[in-house]
Amino acid sequence: MGTQITRLTRLAAAGLSAVLLFATAACAATSPAETEPDNTTSVPAPTGPINVVASLNQWGSLAAELGGDDVEVTSIVNSTNVDAHDFEPKTSDVAKLSKAQIIVVNGAGYDSWATKSMTKTTNIVSAASVMGAMEGDNPHLWFSKDARSSMATAITDAYVKALPSKKKAFQKRLKAWQADEKSLETWASEFTRSHSDLTYAATEPVVYYLMADLGFKNQTPKGYMQSTASGGEPAPADLQSFQKLIEDKGVDVLVNNTQEASDATNMITGAAGRADVPVVDVSEQMPKDTDTLNAWINRLINTIIDAVDPSYGCEDATDGNANSDDSSADGAATDDANAQDSKASTGSSTEPKYIRQCKAATSSDSSQDSAKADASNGDSGDASGNDQTDSGK
């Protein structure tokens, strides 16, 4: 009997424990806040401007143009007096790179120093990666229209990821840039279609992509090209071959990289001067007197065209016959069409930003202005005297 009472007592205690356990579980299910505190915190949306650091000023210029007021861009290599191939960043440069949210680089071995100080949170936009270029390939990618267009898209994508709230603004700037790029490529392509047999040689392959886009055939001696591409000195035989090519006027234009001057390049440019072969000087970094990457490209294309066919696209400024009127009408129609394309793409009614800039027109306008000024200052005798004085200076 005593054993039965003990068993009943244990059963009753077990039942009571089960009831208490069920009740506790029910309370926990209905009131989680009372048993498990909520430790989650909301993450604030990112705000601008985005801190962007570019290895080279040409890519930095593009990054700034696409970012507008929503970015702060710093370019490390920012002078044509610096040899970008052998550049060594200062401690302050490394600090800037380490703090950047986005780093814009060229890649292909050209600026490998720029990615050594990156952090896990840094987003890198590389022209070489975008284009599939590798170390050993020609690294001067900013002169390629395909690379510029691809980089513009890649940079914009990085901006949208870093600052989603400004997505529409970034996409609007990209659309405007693409319209301007289209106007640049359109008029350059028109020149290429009418000049299919032009040739060039180069003291260093800096504008390889640009000359290819313009349809020029590279006639630089292979031995010389290989030595310069590897950073070595050309063999005497290759240098002689290059000189003979220039002396025989075997090319329409010589392109000279002003940032890679040497005794060899001075010898070649000297030969070009004696043979009356036009020389176009080009720097690797964007000059400070240009505002944007494409403005620089536009100016270079105009300089190249001036060297091989200065009258191209400038007939209206030099001819006064009926043909020039027709040409003017055609040119106006083309400009109107381009302006309409630009307006459709960006909502702007402005004319194309990148066009043929004629030296002949500028010279003619200056001469007319000078003549008017002389006439207003006195009689023809005074004007003649002023001309002789100016000529003697």
Protein backbone atom coordinates (compact mmCIF):
# COMPACT_ATOMS: atom_id res chain seq x y z
CA MET A 1 0.00 0.00 0.00
CA GLY A 2 2.79 2.36 0.91
CA THR A 3 4.49 1.49 -2.39
CA GLN A 4 1.30 2.33 -4.34
CA ILE A 5 1.01 5.73 -2.63
CA THR A 6 4.65 6.47 -3.47
CA ARG A 7 4.05 5.62 -7.14
CA LEU A 8 0.92 7.78 -7.30
CA THR A 9 2.82 10.62 -5.74
CA ARG A 10 5.56 10.34 -8.37
CA LEU A 11 2.99 10.19 -11.21
CA ALA A 12 1.26 13.28 -9.89
CA ALA A 13 4.56 15.14 -9.66
CA ALA A 14 5.47 14.15 -13.23
CA GLY A 15 2.08 15.31 -14.51
CA LEU A 16 2.46 18.63 -12.74
CA SER A 17 5.92 19.10 -14.27
CA ALA A 18 4.53 18.41 -17.75
CA VAL A 19 1.79 20.98 -17.24
CA LEU A 20 4.28 23.59 -16.08
CA LEU A 21 6.58 22.82 -19.04
CA PHE A 22 3.71 23.18 -21.55
CA ALA A 23 2.66 26.46 -20.00
CA THR A 24 6.21 27.81 -20.20
CA ALA A 25 6.48 26.81 -23.87
CA ALA A 26 3.16 28.48 -24.64
CA CYS A 27 4.32 31.72 -23.05
CA ALA A 28 7.54 31.59 -25.03
CA ALA A 29 5.59 31.07 -28.27
CA THR A 30 3.25 33.96 -27.65
CA SER A 31 5.74 36.43 -26.16
CA PRO A 32 9.18 36.04 -27.85
CA ALA A 33 10.16 39.57 -26.93
CA GLU A 34 9.99 38.68 -23.28
CA THR A 35 12.42 35.77 -23.57
CA GLU A 36 14.65 36.67 -26.56
CA PRO A 37 15.66 40.35 -26.95
CA ASP A 38 15.76 41.72 -30.56
CA ASN A 39 19.36 42.64 -31.30
CA THR A 40 18.88 43.45 -35.03
CA THR A 41 19.75 47.01 -36.13
CA SER A 42 18.88 48.79 -39.40
CA VAL A 43 21.79 49.56 -41.75
CA PRO A 44 21.69 53.18 -42.99
CA ALA A 45 21.59 53.70 -46.75
CA PRO A 46 24.93 54.84 -48.20
CA THR A 47 25.27 58.53 -48.96
CA GLY A 48 27.59 60.27 -51.38
CA PRO A 49 29.85 61.48 -52.64
CA ILE A 50 31.67 58.27 -53.53
CA ASN A 51 35.42 58.33 -52.90
CA VAL A 52 37.02 57.34 -56.23
CA VAL A 53 40.74 57.07 -56.92
CA ALA A 54 42.05 56.56 -60.47
CA SER A 55 45.58 55.44 -61.25
CA LEU A 56 45.76 57.64 -64.39
CA ASN A 57 44.23 61.01 -65.12
CA GLN A 58 42.69 59.87 -68.41
CA TRP A 59 40.57 57.26 -66.64
CA GLY A 60 40.05 59.64 -63.73
CA SER A 61 38.64 62.22 -66.12
CA LEU A 62 36.11 59.70 -67.43
CA ALA A 63 35.19 58.68 -63.88
CA ALA A 64 34.59 62.31 -62.92
CA GLU A 65 32.51 63.02 -66.01
CA LEU A 66 30.25 60.05 -65.34
CA GLY A 67 29.96 60.69 -61.60
CA GLY A 68 29.33 64.42 -61.52
CA ASP A 69 28.67 65.85 -58.07
CA ASP A 70 28.02 62.38 -56.69
CA VAL A 71 31.70 61.42 -56.71
CA GLU A 72 35.04 62.81 -55.60
CA VAL A 73 37.78 61.64 -57.97
CA THR A 74 41.51 61.76 -57.35
CA SER A 75 44.00 60.82 -60.09
CA ILE A 76 47.42 59.63 -58.97
CA VAL A 77 49.40 60.01 -62.23
CA ASN A 78 48.30 63.44 -63.32
CA SER A 79 51.11 64.90 -65.44
CA THR A 80 52.64 64.38 -68.86
CA ASN A 81 56.05 64.87 -67.24
CA VAL A 82 55.79 61.53 -65.45
CA ASP A 83 56.90 58.26 -67.01
CA ALA A 84 53.89 56.14 -66.18
CA HIS A 85 55.70 52.88 -66.95
CA ASP A 86 58.21 53.43 -64.12
CA PHE A 87 55.95 55.31 -61.71
CA GLU A 88 56.47 54.69 -57.99
CA PRO A 89 53.59 55.85 -55.75
CA LYS A 90 54.34 57.97 -52.72
CA THR A 91 53.11 57.12 -49.22
CA SER A 92 50.32 59.68 -49.65
CA ASP A 93 49.27 57.98 -52.90
CA VAL A 94 49.08 54.61 -51.18
CA ALA A 95 46.98 56.15 -48.40
CA LYS A 96 44.51 57.55 -50.94
CA LEU A 97 44.19 54.19 -52.66
CA SER A 98 43.65 52.34 -49.38
CA LYS A 99 40.74 54.65 -48.45
CA ALA A 100 39.02 54.56 -51.85
CA GLN A 101 35.59 53.02 -52.27
CA ILE A 102 36.22 52.52 -55.98
CA ILE A 103 39.60 52.29 -57.72
CA VAL A 104 39.71 52.84 -61.49
CA VAL A 105 42.79 51.32 -63.12
CA ASN A 106 44.11 50.51 -66.56
CA GLY A 107 45.60 47.09 -65.88
CA ALA A 108 47.59 44.91 -68.33
CA GLY A 109 50.72 45.54 -66.26
CA TYR A 110 50.63 49.30 -66.81
CA ASP A 111 49.72 50.36 -63.26
CA SER A 112 49.95 47.24 -61.10
CA TRP A 113 51.05 49.42 -58.16
CA ALA A 114 47.51 50.80 -57.90
CA THR A 115 45.91 47.55 -56.71
CA LYS A 116 48.49 46.53 -54.10
CA SER A 117 46.88 48.54 -51.29
CA MET A 118 43.27 47.58 -51.88
CA THR A 119 41.02 46.34 -49.08
CA LYS A 120 38.31 43.67 -49.15
CA THR A 121 35.63 46.34 -49.48
CA THR A 122 37.28 48.16 -52.39
CA ASN A 123 35.60 47.82 -55.78
CA ILE A 124 38.10 47.81 -58.66
CA VAL A 125 37.16 48.75 -62.22
CA SER A 126 39.90 47.67 -64.63
CA ALA A 127 40.06 48.45 -68.34
CA ALA A 128 42.14 45.33 -68.94
CA SER A 129 39.60 43.14 -67.17
CA VAL A 130 36.74 44.73 -69.08
CA MET A 131 38.51 44.18 -72.42
CA GLY A 132 40.12 40.83 -71.63
CA ALA A 133 43.62 42.26 -72.04
CA MET A 134 46.60 40.70 -70.28
CA GLU A 135 50.07 41.76 -69.29
CA GLY A 136 52.17 41.77 -72.45
CA ASP A 137 49.33 43.19 -74.56
CA ASN A 138 49.46 46.81 -75.66
CA PRO A 139 48.33 48.56 -72.45
CA HIS A 140 47.33 51.95 -73.88
CA LEU A 141 43.66 51.00 -73.77
CA TRP A 142 42.23 54.50 -73.32
CA PHE A 143 42.93 55.15 -77.01
CA SER A 144 40.50 52.37 -78.00
CA LYS A 145 36.89 53.37 -78.65
CA ASP A 146 35.71 49.92 -77.51
CA ALA A 147 37.65 50.21 -74.23
CA ARG A 148 36.31 53.70 -73.54
CA SER A 149 32.72 52.60 -74.09
CA SER A 150 33.10 49.45 -72.01
CA MET A 151 34.78 51.35 -69.19
CA ALA A 152 32.04 53.98 -69.15
CA THR A 153 29.46 51.24 -68.58
CA ALA A 154 31.59 49.42 -65.99
CA ILE A 155 32.28 52.60 -64.01
CA THR A 156 28.59 53.51 -64.01
CA ASP A 157 27.66 50.03 -62.78
CA ALA A 158 30.15 50.42 -59.92
CA TYR A 159 28.63 53.79 -59.02
CA VAL A 160 25.10 52.39 -58.96
CA LYS A 161 26.25 49.55 -56.69
CA ALA A 162 27.98 51.96 -54.31
CA LEU A 163 25.19 54.55 -54.27
CA PRO A 164 21.87 52.99 -55.38
CA SER A 165 19.86 56.10 -54.48
CA LYS A 166 21.51 57.98 -57.37
CA LYS A 167 20.97 55.27 -59.97
CA LYS A 168 18.88 57.47 -62.30
CA ALA A 169 21.43 60.30 -62.18
CA PHE A 170 24.30 57.93 -63.01
CA GLN A 171 22.40 56.33 -65.87
CA LYS A 172 21.46 59.74 -67.27
CA ARG A 173 25.12 60.82 -67.33
CA LEU A 174 26.12 57.56 -69.01
CA LYS A 175 23.46 58.08 -71.68
CA ALA A 176 24.71 61.61 -72.38
CA TRP A 177 28.31 60.37 -72.56
CA GLN A 178 27.34 57.61 -74.99
CA ALA A 179 25.63 60.15 -77.26
CA ASP A 180 28.80 62.27 -77.33
CA GLU A 181 30.96 59.19 -77.95
CA LYS A 182 28.69 58.30 -80.86
CA SER A 183 29.19 61.73 -82.43
CA LEU A 184 32.97 61.34 -82.08
CA GLU A 185 32.98 57.88 -83.66
CA THR A 186 30.62 58.96 -86.46
CA TRP A 187 32.77 61.75 -87.85
CA ALA A 188 35.98 59.75 -87.36
CA SER A 189 34.44 56.83 -89.26
CA GLU A 190 33.51 59.16 -92.12
CA PHE A 191 37.17 60.10 -92.45
CA THR A 192 38.22 56.44 -92.36
CA ARG A 193 35.81 55.50 -95.15
CA SER A 194 37.32 58.09 -97.46
CA HIS A 195 40.96 57.35 -96.50
CA SER A 196 41.45 53.62 -96.72
CA ASP A 197 45.13 53.46 -97.68
CA LEU A 198 46.89 55.60 -95.07
CA THR A 199 50.02 54.37 -93.29
CA TYR A 200 51.97 55.38 -90.20
CA ALA A 201 55.01 54.52 -88.12
CA ALA A 202 55.52 55.20 -84.42
CA THR A 203 58.49 55.78 -82.15
CA GLU A 204 56.54 53.89 -79.45
CA PRO A 205 53.19 52.05 -79.82
CA VAL A 206 51.22 54.46 -77.65
CA VAL A 207 48.39 55.18 -80.14
CA TYR A 208 48.15 51.71 -81.66
CA TYR A 209 44.41 51.42 -80.90
CA LEU A 210 43.57 54.93 -82.06
CA MET A 211 45.38 54.50 -85.38
CA ALA A 212 43.65 51.14 -85.89
CA ASP A 213 40.27 52.77 -85.21
CA LEU A 214 41.10 55.37 -87.88
CA GLY A 215 42.08 52.69 -90.40
CA PHE A 216 45.83 53.44 -90.57
CA LYS A 217 48.21 50.59 -91.42
CA ASN A 218 51.22 50.27 -89.14
CA GLN A 219 54.49 50.23 -91.11
CA THR A 220 56.90 50.47 -88.16
CA PRO A 221 59.75 47.95 -88.66
CA LYS A 222 58.95 44.77 -86.71
CA GLY A 223 62.32 44.56 -85.00
CA TYR A 224 62.00 48.11 -83.74
CA MET A 225 58.44 47.49 -82.54
CA GLN A 226 59.43 44.38 -80.61
CA SER A 227 62.30 46.13 -78.84
CA THR A 228 60.20 49.13 -77.80
CA ALA A 229 57.30 46.94 -76.69
CA SER A 230 59.63 45.05 -74.35
CA GLY A 231 61.20 48.24 -73.04
CA GLY A 232 64.57 47.60 -74.66
CA GLU A 233 66.79 49.62 -76.95
CA PRO A 234 66.38 49.04 -80.70
CA ALA A 235 69.21 47.26 -82.51
CA PRO A 236 71.29 49.44 -84.89
CA ALA A 237 69.97 47.50 -87.90
CA ASP A 238 66.35 48.12 -86.84
CA LEU A 239 67.06 51.78 -86.27
CA GLN A 240 68.60 52.05 -89.73
CA SER A 241 65.58 50.35 -91.26
CA PHE A 242 63.33 52.86 -89.54
CA GLN A 243 65.39 55.80 -90.78
CA LYS A 244 65.33 54.49 -94.34
CA LEU A 245 61.56 54.05 -94.17
CA ILE A 246 61.21 57.70 -93.17
CA GLU A 247 63.77 59.01 -95.67
CA ASP A 248 61.99 57.13 -98.47
CA LYS A 249 58.66 58.62 -97.33
CA GLY A 250 57.28 55.14 -96.80
CA VAL A 251 54.62 56.38 -94.39
CA ASP A 252 52.07 59.19 -94.40
CA VAL A 253 52.74 60.26 -90.81
CA LEU A 254 55.12 59.57 -87.93
CA VAL A 255 53.64 59.38 -84.41
CA ASN A 256 56.05 60.37 -81.64
CA ASN A 257 55.49 59.60 -77.95
CA THR A 258 56.81 62.68 -76.17
CA GLN A 259 56.98 60.83 -72.82
CA GLU A 260 59.40 58.22 -74.15
CA ALA A 261 62.08 60.45 -75.69
CA SER A 262 65.55 59.02 -76.33
CA ASP A 263 68.50 59.37 -78.70
CA ALA A 264 66.81 56.86 -81.00
CA THR A 265 63.50 58.73 -81.13
CA ASN A 266 65.31 62.03 -81.65
CA MET A 267 67.16 60.48 -84.58
CA ILE A 268 63.90 59.25 -86.14
CA THR A 269 62.00 62.51 -85.70
CA GLY A 270 65.01 64.36 -87.11
CA ALA A 271 64.91 62.17 -90.20
CA ALA A 272 61.19 62.92 -90.57
CA GLY A 273 61.88 66.65 -90.44
CA ARG A 274 64.45 66.39 -93.21
CA ALA A 275 62.19 64.21 -95.35
CA ASP A 276 59.11 66.40 -94.81
CA VAL A 277 57.18 63.54 -93.23
CA PRO A 278 54.63 65.07 -90.83
CA VAL A 279 55.13 64.27 -87.15
CA VAL A 280 52.28 64.04 -84.64
CA ASP A 281 53.38 64.34 -81.00
CA VAL A 282 51.34 62.34 -78.50
CA SER A 283 51.57 62.00 -74.72
CA GLU A 284 50.45 59.01 -72.70
CA GLN A 285 48.75 60.98 -69.94
CA MET A 286 46.02 63.47 -70.72
CA PRO A 287 47.35 67.05 -70.98
CA LYS A 288 46.08 69.53 -68.42
CA ASP A 289 44.61 71.81 -71.09
CA THR A 290 41.92 69.23 -71.96
CA ASP A 291 38.85 68.73 -69.78
CA THR A 292 37.71 65.21 -70.68
CA LEU A 293 39.12 62.02 -72.15
CA ASN A 294 37.04 62.27 -75.32
CA ALA A 295 37.91 65.94 -75.80
CA TRP A 296 41.53 64.84 -75.85
CA ILE A 297 40.80 62.03 -78.31
CA ASN A 298 38.86 64.46 -80.51
CA ARG A 299 41.82 66.85 -80.57
CA LEU A 300 44.27 64.06 -81.40
CA ILE A 301 42.13 62.85 -84.30
CA ASN A 302 41.96 66.38 -85.65
CA THR A 303 45.76 66.70 -85.35
CA ILE A 304 46.28 63.41 -87.19
CA ILE A 305 43.90 64.44 -89.96
CA ASP A 306 45.64 67.83 -90.25
CA ALA A 307 48.91 65.97 -90.79
CA VAL A 308 47.69 63.77 -93.65
CA ASP A 309 44.80 65.71 -95.22
CA PRO A 310 44.36 69.20 -93.73
CA SER A 311 41.63 70.12 -96.20
CA TYR A 312 39.39 67.22 -95.17
CA GLY A 313 36.07 68.49 -93.84
CA CYS A 314 37.24 72.09 -94.21
CA GLU A 315 36.24 72.84 -97.79
CA ASP A 316 33.53 75.24 -96.61
CA ALA A 317 36.16 77.42 -94.95
CA THR A 318 38.45 77.63 -97.96
CA ASP A 319 36.24 77.40 -101.09
CA GLY A 320 33.74 80.00 -102.24
CA ASN A 321 32.26 78.16 -105.21
CA ALA A 322 28.94 76.41 -105.65
CA ASN A 323 30.39 73.08 -104.58
CA SER A 324 31.21 74.53 -101.18
CA ASP A 325 27.57 75.58 -100.82
CA ASP A 326 26.49 72.02 -101.52
CA SER A 327 29.09 70.74 -99.09
CA SER A 328 27.91 73.23 -96.51
CA ALA A 329 24.34 72.08 -96.96
CA ASP A 330 25.37 68.45 -96.61
CA GLY A 331 27.45 69.26 -93.55
CA ALA A 332 24.58 71.16 -91.99
CA ALA A 333 22.25 68.24 -92.66
CA THR A 334 24.70 65.88 -91.03
CA ASP A 335 25.09 68.16 -88.02
CA ASP A 336 21.30 68.46 -87.70
CA ALA A 337 20.93 64.69 -87.85
CA ASN A 338 23.61 64.20 -85.22
CA ALA A 339 22.02 66.86 -83.05
CA GLN A 340 18.67 65.08 -83.32
CA ASP A 341 20.32 61.80 -82.30
CA SER A 342 21.89 63.57 -79.33
CA LYS A 343 18.58 65.16 -78.38
CA ALA A 344 16.77 61.82 -78.61
CA SER A 345 19.36 60.16 -76.42
CA THR A 346 19.86 62.79 -73.75
CA GLY A 347 16.97 65.20 -73.99
CA SER A 348 19.38 67.96 -75.01
CA SER A 349 19.11 70.09 -78.14
CA THR A 350 22.81 70.91 -78.26
CA GLU A 351 24.90 70.06 -81.30
CA PRO A 352 27.47 67.24 -81.22
CA LYS A 353 30.34 68.04 -78.89
CA TYR A 354 33.07 66.29 -80.88
CA ILE A 355 33.56 67.44 -84.47
CA ARG A 356 36.15 68.27 -87.11
CA GLN A 357 38.03 71.41 -86.08
CA CYS A 358 39.58 73.08 -89.10
CA LYS A 359 42.85 74.94 -88.84
CA ALA A 360 42.15 76.59 -92.19
CA ALA A 361 38.94 78.12 -90.86
CA THR A 362 40.65 79.39 -87.73
CA SER A 363 43.51 80.87 -89.76
CA SER A 364 41.11 82.49 -92.22
CA ASP A 365 39.01 84.00 -89.45
CA SER A 366 42.14 85.35 -87.73
CA SER A 367 43.40 86.90 -90.98
CA GLN A 368 40.05 88.57 -91.62
CA ASP A 369 39.90 89.92 -88.08
CA SER A 370 43.46 91.24 -88.41
CA ALA A 371 42.66 92.94 -91.72
CA LYS A 372 39.57 94.58 -90.23
CA ALA A 373 41.58 95.79 -87.27
CA ASP A 374 44.27 97.24 -89.52
CA ALA A 375 41.70 98.99 -91.69
CA SER A 376 40.04 100.54 -88.67
CA ASN A 377 43.37 101.81 -87.34
CA GLY A 378 44.26 103.89 -90.37
CA ASP A 379 45.00 103.97 -94.10
CA SER A 380 46.64 101.21 -96.13
CA GLY A 381 50.09 102.70 -95.62
CA ASP A 382 49.78 102.40 -91.85
CA ALA A 383 48.46 98.88 -92.19
CA SER A 384 51.43 97.95 -94.36
CA GLY A 385 53.81 99.41 -91.83
CA ASN A 386 52.17 97.45 -89.02
CA ASP A 387 52.52 94.24 -91.02
CA GLN A 388 56.22 94.81 -91.56
CA THR A 389 56.73 95.49 -87.86
CA ASP A 390 54.87 92.29 -86.88
CA SER A 391 56.81 90.32 -89.45
CA GLY A 392 60.11 91.49 -88.02
CA LYS A 393 59.31 90.35 -84.49
